[in-house]
């Protein structure tokens, strides 16, 4: 019998997508939530759990390095813009969603 594992998961403080590392140093309160409960998902929501209620939480999600990304972020109340880069420090505040590139055939991703 084959074991079906999720294609996106957090394991050993790493965010893995199809066995390729996207984020390292992922903190313990960072979680993934799938849109489906019945089978492995091709996409997840990345979030965090907190012990206390607050109107603003800041949490490091992990370290993103040498992975190309595309983000859309809010820069005014009604406007959204895009940014591309390859380091976590380049991800803007108020990022609404983030797409990352996974290069197949490379062992380091």
N, C-alpha and C. Protein backbone atom coordinates (compact mmCIF):
# COMPACT_ATOMS: atom_id res chain seq x y z
N UNK A 1 0.83 -1.17 0.00
CA UNK A 1 0.00 0.00 0.00
C UNK A 1 0.88 1.24 0.00
N UNK A 2 0.60 2.19 -0.86
CA UNK A 2 1.36 3.43 -0.95
C UNK A 2 0.89 4.41 0.12
N UNK A 3 1.83 5.12 0.69
CA UNK A 3 1.51 6.15 1.68
C UNK A 3 1.44 7.49 0.96
N UNK A 4 0.33 8.17 1.10
CA UNK A 4 0.16 9.47 0.47
C UNK A 4 0.52 10.54 1.50
N UNK A 5 1.47 11.38 1.16
CA UNK A 5 1.88 12.45 2.06
C UNK A 5 1.52 13.79 1.43
N UNK A 6 1.35 14.81 2.25
CA UNK A 6 1.04 16.13 1.70
C UNK A 6 2.18 16.63 0.82
N UNK A 7 1.85 17.38 -0.22
CA UNK A 7 2.88 17.94 -1.08
C UNK A 7 3.48 19.20 -0.48
N UNK A 8 2.78 19.83 0.44
CA UNK A 8 3.27 21.02 1.13
C UNK A 8 3.15 20.77 2.63
N UNK A 9 4.28 20.88 3.34
CA UNK A 9 4.24 20.63 4.78
C UNK A 9 5.40 21.31 5.48
N UNK A 10 5.27 21.44 6.80
CA UNK A 10 6.35 21.93 7.64
C UNK A 10 6.93 20.72 8.36
N UNK A 11 8.23 20.50 8.17
CA UNK A 11 8.91 19.37 8.79
C UNK A 11 10.33 19.80 9.14
N UNK A 12 10.74 19.52 10.36
CA UNK A 12 12.10 19.81 10.82
C UNK A 12 12.45 21.29 10.63
N UNK A 13 11.49 22.18 10.98
CA UNK A 13 11.65 23.64 10.87
C UNK A 13 11.87 24.12 9.44
N UNK A 14 11.36 23.36 8.46
CA UNK A 14 11.45 23.74 7.05
C UNK A 14 10.07 23.66 6.42
N UNK A 15 9.77 24.62 5.54
CA UNK A 15 8.57 24.54 4.72
C UNK A 15 8.98 23.83 3.44
N UNK A 16 8.40 22.65 3.23
CA UNK A 16 8.75 21.82 2.08
C UNK A 16 7.60 21.81 1.08
N UNK A 17 7.94 21.96 -0.20
CA UNK A 17 6.99 21.83 -1.29
C UNK A 17 7.54 20.75 -2.21
N UNK A 18 6.83 19.63 -2.27
CA UNK A 18 7.27 18.48 -3.06
C UNK A 18 8.72 18.13 -2.76
N UNK A 19 9.04 18.05 -1.47
CA UNK A 19 10.36 17.68 -0.96
C UNK A 19 11.46 18.69 -1.27
N UNK A 20 11.10 19.90 -1.66
CA UNK A 20 12.09 20.95 -1.88
C UNK A 20 11.89 22.03 -0.81
N UNK A 21 12.99 22.50 -0.24
CA UNK A 21 12.94 23.47 0.85
C UNK A 21 12.68 24.86 0.29
N UNK A 22 11.62 25.50 0.80
CA UNK A 22 11.29 26.87 0.42
C UNK A 22 11.68 27.83 1.54
N UNK A 23 11.33 27.50 2.78
CA UNK A 23 11.68 28.30 3.94
C UNK A 23 12.45 27.45 4.94
N UNK A 24 13.46 28.04 5.56
CA UNK A 24 14.17 27.40 6.66
C UNK A 24 13.92 28.22 7.92
N UNK A 25 14.31 27.69 9.07
CA UNK A 25 14.13 28.36 10.36
C UNK A 25 12.68 28.74 10.62
N UNK A 26 11.75 27.89 10.25
CA UNK A 26 10.33 28.15 10.48
C UNK A 26 10.05 28.01 11.97
N UNK A 27 9.41 29.01 12.55
CA UNK A 27 9.13 28.98 13.99
C UNK A 27 8.02 27.99 14.31
N UNK A 28 7.95 27.59 15.57
CA UNK A 28 7.02 26.54 15.99
C UNK A 28 5.55 26.94 15.87
N UNK A 29 5.24 28.23 15.93
CA UNK A 29 3.84 28.63 15.87
C UNK A 29 3.33 28.85 14.45
N UNK A 30 4.18 28.67 13.44
CA UNK A 30 3.75 28.79 12.04
C UNK A 30 3.06 27.49 11.63
N UNK A 31 1.90 27.63 10.99
CA UNK A 31 1.10 26.47 10.59
C UNK A 31 0.70 26.58 9.13
N UNK A 32 0.37 25.44 8.54
CA UNK A 32 -0.22 25.41 7.21
C UNK A 32 -1.65 24.92 7.33
N UNK A 33 -2.53 25.52 6.56
CA UNK A 33 -3.93 25.13 6.54
C UNK A 33 -4.31 24.83 5.10
N UNK A 34 -4.80 23.64 4.86
CA UNK A 34 -5.16 23.21 3.52
C UNK A 34 -6.59 23.63 3.20
N UNK A 35 -6.84 23.82 1.93
CA UNK A 35 -8.20 24.10 1.49
C UNK A 35 -9.05 22.86 1.41
N UNK A 36 -8.42 21.69 1.50
CA UNK A 36 -9.14 20.42 1.45
C UNK A 36 -8.66 19.51 2.57
N UNK A 37 -9.55 18.78 3.16
CA UNK A 37 -9.18 17.88 4.25
C UNK A 37 -9.11 16.43 3.80
N UNK A 38 -9.55 16.15 2.58
CA UNK A 38 -9.67 14.75 2.16
C UNK A 38 -8.47 14.22 1.39
N UNK A 39 -7.59 15.10 0.90
CA UNK A 39 -6.46 14.62 0.11
C UNK A 39 -5.32 15.63 0.20
N UNK A 40 -4.10 15.23 -0.22
CA UNK A 40 -2.99 16.18 -0.23
C UNK A 40 -3.32 17.39 -1.10
N UNK A 41 -2.87 18.55 -0.67
CA UNK A 41 -3.22 19.79 -1.35
C UNK A 41 -2.05 20.33 -2.14
N UNK A 42 -2.35 20.99 -3.24
CA UNK A 42 -1.33 21.65 -4.05
C UNK A 42 -1.12 23.09 -3.61
N UNK A 43 -1.84 23.55 -2.62
CA UNK A 43 -1.71 24.91 -2.11
C UNK A 43 -2.16 24.97 -0.66
N UNK A 44 -1.58 25.89 0.09
CA UNK A 44 -1.94 26.04 1.50
C UNK A 44 -1.99 27.52 1.86
N UNK A 45 -2.65 27.79 2.97
CA UNK A 45 -2.57 29.09 3.61
C UNK A 45 -1.52 28.96 4.70
N UNK A 46 -0.59 29.89 4.74
CA UNK A 46 0.46 29.89 5.75
C UNK A 46 0.07 30.91 6.81
N UNK A 47 0.01 30.47 8.06
CA UNK A 47 -0.41 31.35 9.14
C UNK A 47 0.35 31.06 10.41
N UNK A 48 -0.13 31.61 11.50
CA UNK A 48 0.54 31.41 12.79
C UNK A 48 -0.50 31.33 13.89
N UNK A 49 -0.17 30.59 14.94
CA UNK A 49 -1.02 30.48 16.13
C UNK A 49 -0.37 31.27 17.26
N UNK A 50 -1.22 31.91 18.06
CA UNK A 50 -0.73 32.72 19.17
C UNK A 50 -1.48 32.38 20.44
N UNK A 51 -0.81 32.52 21.58
CA UNK A 51 -1.42 32.23 22.88
C UNK A 51 -2.38 33.33 23.32
N UNK A 52 -2.13 34.56 22.88
CA UNK A 52 -2.95 35.69 23.32
C UNK A 52 -3.61 36.36 22.12
N UNK A 53 -4.82 36.88 22.35
CA UNK A 53 -5.50 37.67 21.33
C UNK A 53 -4.88 39.05 21.27
N UNK A 54 -4.74 39.56 20.06
CA UNK A 54 -4.19 40.90 19.86
C UNK A 54 -4.65 41.38 18.50
N UNK A 55 -4.72 42.69 18.31
CA UNK A 55 -5.11 43.20 17.01
C UNK A 55 -3.94 43.24 16.03
N UNK A 56 -2.71 42.99 16.52
CA UNK A 56 -1.55 42.97 15.64
C UNK A 56 -0.53 41.98 16.19
N UNK A 57 -0.15 41.03 15.36
CA UNK A 57 0.91 40.08 15.71
C UNK A 57 1.99 40.17 14.65
N UNK A 58 3.23 40.10 15.08
CA UNK A 58 4.37 40.05 14.16
C UNK A 58 5.11 38.76 14.45
N UNK A 59 5.32 37.96 13.42
CA UNK A 59 6.00 36.67 13.61
C UNK A 59 6.89 36.41 12.39
N UNK A 60 8.12 35.97 12.61
CA UNK A 60 8.94 35.55 11.47
C UNK A 60 8.42 34.20 10.96
N UNK A 61 8.15 34.11 9.68
CA UNK A 61 7.65 32.86 9.11
C UNK A 61 8.78 31.89 8.81
N UNK A 62 9.98 32.40 8.58
CA UNK A 62 11.12 31.57 8.25
C UNK A 62 12.07 32.36 7.37
N UNK A 63 13.09 31.69 6.88
CA UNK A 63 14.10 32.34 6.05
C UNK A 63 13.93 31.90 4.61
N UNK A 64 13.75 32.87 3.71
CA UNK A 64 13.61 32.63 2.28
C UNK A 64 14.88 33.14 1.62
N UNK A 65 15.58 32.26 0.91
CA UNK A 65 16.84 32.65 0.31
C UNK A 65 17.04 31.90 -0.99
N UNK A 66 17.44 32.62 -2.03
CA UNK A 66 17.73 32.05 -3.34
C UNK A 66 16.55 31.31 -3.95
N UNK A 67 15.35 31.79 -3.66
CA UNK A 67 14.13 31.26 -4.27
C UNK A 67 13.41 32.46 -4.88
N UNK A 68 13.16 32.42 -6.18
CA UNK A 68 12.47 33.53 -6.83
C UNK A 68 11.03 33.61 -6.35
N UNK A 69 10.56 34.83 -6.10
CA UNK A 69 9.18 34.99 -5.64
C UNK A 69 8.52 36.15 -6.37
N UNK A 70 7.22 36.12 -6.36
CA UNK A 70 6.37 37.20 -6.86
C UNK A 70 5.36 37.49 -5.76
N UNK A 71 5.28 38.73 -5.35
CA UNK A 71 4.32 39.07 -4.30
C UNK A 71 3.43 40.22 -4.74
N UNK A 72 2.23 40.22 -4.23
CA UNK A 72 1.32 41.36 -4.38
C UNK A 72 1.09 41.91 -2.99
N UNK A 73 1.25 43.22 -2.86
CA UNK A 73 1.16 43.83 -1.55
C UNK A 73 0.33 45.11 -1.61
N UNK A 74 -0.27 45.43 -0.50
CA UNK A 74 -1.07 46.64 -0.39
C UNK A 74 -0.15 47.78 0.01
N UNK A 75 -0.18 48.89 -0.76
CA UNK A 75 0.66 50.02 -0.41
C UNK A 75 -0.15 51.27 -0.07
N UNK A 76 -1.41 51.29 -0.37
CA UNK A 76 -2.34 52.31 0.10
C UNK A 76 -3.63 51.58 0.42
N UNK A 77 -4.56 52.28 0.98
CA UNK A 77 -5.79 51.63 1.40
C UNK A 77 -6.46 50.86 0.27
N UNK A 78 -6.49 51.42 -0.92
CA UNK A 78 -7.23 50.81 -2.03
C UNK A 78 -6.34 50.31 -3.15
N UNK A 79 -5.02 50.37 -3.02
CA UNK A 79 -4.13 50.03 -4.12
C UNK A 79 -3.28 48.81 -3.76
N UNK A 80 -2.95 48.04 -4.79
CA UNK A 80 -2.08 46.88 -4.62
C UNK A 80 -1.02 46.93 -5.71
N UNK A 81 0.18 46.50 -5.41
CA UNK A 81 1.29 46.53 -6.36
C UNK A 81 2.02 45.19 -6.29
N UNK A 82 2.96 44.99 -7.20
CA UNK A 82 3.69 43.73 -7.25
C UNK A 82 5.18 43.96 -7.04
N UNK A 83 5.85 42.92 -6.61
CA UNK A 83 7.31 42.95 -6.41
C UNK A 83 7.85 41.56 -6.67
N UNK A 84 9.02 41.50 -7.28
CA UNK A 84 9.71 40.23 -7.51
C UNK A 84 11.07 40.31 -6.82
N UNK A 85 11.58 39.17 -6.39
CA UNK A 85 12.88 39.13 -5.75
C UNK A 85 13.28 37.70 -5.44
N UNK A 86 14.37 37.55 -4.68
CA UNK A 86 14.83 36.21 -4.32
C UNK A 86 15.32 36.11 -2.87
N UNK A 87 15.03 37.13 -2.05
CA UNK A 87 15.39 37.08 -0.63
C UNK A 87 14.21 37.52 0.20
N UNK A 88 14.10 36.96 1.37
CA UNK A 88 13.00 37.31 2.25
C UNK A 88 12.97 38.77 2.63
N UNK A 89 14.14 39.40 2.71
CA UNK A 89 14.17 40.82 3.08
C UNK A 89 13.55 41.71 2.02
N UNK A 90 13.33 41.19 0.82
CA UNK A 90 12.72 41.96 -0.26
C UNK A 90 11.20 41.84 -0.29
N UNK A 91 10.63 41.00 0.55
CA UNK A 91 9.17 40.86 0.58
C UNK A 91 8.59 42.06 1.32
N UNK A 92 7.70 42.81 0.67
CA UNK A 92 7.17 44.02 1.29
C UNK A 92 6.21 43.72 2.45
N UNK A 93 6.12 44.69 3.35
CA UNK A 93 5.08 44.63 4.38
C UNK A 93 3.74 44.66 3.66
N UNK A 94 2.71 44.18 4.30
CA UNK A 94 1.35 44.15 3.75
C UNK A 94 1.23 43.24 2.53
N UNK A 95 2.11 42.22 2.41
CA UNK A 95 1.99 41.26 1.32
C UNK A 95 0.70 40.48 1.49
N UNK A 96 -0.09 40.44 0.42
CA UNK A 96 -1.39 39.76 0.45
C UNK A 96 -1.27 38.31 -0.01
N UNK A 97 -0.40 38.05 -1.01
CA UNK A 97 -0.10 36.67 -1.39
C UNK A 97 1.28 36.61 -2.00
N UNK A 98 1.85 35.41 -1.97
CA UNK A 98 3.23 35.19 -2.39
C UNK A 98 3.29 33.92 -3.22
N UNK A 99 3.86 34.02 -4.40
CA UNK A 99 4.11 32.86 -5.25
C UNK A 99 5.61 32.64 -5.32
N UNK A 100 6.05 31.39 -5.19
CA UNK A 100 7.48 31.08 -5.28
C UNK A 100 7.72 30.11 -6.42
N UNK A 101 8.90 30.21 -7.00
CA UNK A 101 9.28 29.35 -8.11
C UNK A 101 10.06 28.15 -7.59
N UNK A 102 9.66 26.98 -8.01
CA UNK A 102 10.38 25.76 -7.67
C UNK A 102 11.01 25.24 -8.94
N UNK A 103 12.33 25.16 -8.94
CA UNK A 103 13.04 24.66 -10.11
C UNK A 103 13.24 23.16 -9.95
N UNK A 104 12.69 22.40 -10.84
CA UNK A 104 12.86 20.95 -10.79
C UNK A 104 14.24 20.59 -11.32
N UNK A 105 14.83 19.56 -10.74
CA UNK A 105 16.13 19.10 -11.18
C UNK A 105 17.28 19.68 -10.38
N UNK A 106 17.00 20.60 -9.46
CA UNK A 106 18.03 21.16 -8.61
C UNK A 106 17.88 20.59 -7.21
N UNK A 107 18.95 20.04 -6.67
CA UNK A 107 18.89 19.41 -5.35
C UNK A 107 18.77 20.43 -4.22
N UNK A 108 19.23 21.67 -4.45
CA UNK A 108 19.23 22.64 -3.36
C UNK A 108 17.88 23.29 -3.14
N UNK A 109 16.90 23.07 -3.99
CA UNK A 109 15.56 23.65 -3.79
C UNK A 109 14.60 22.59 -3.36
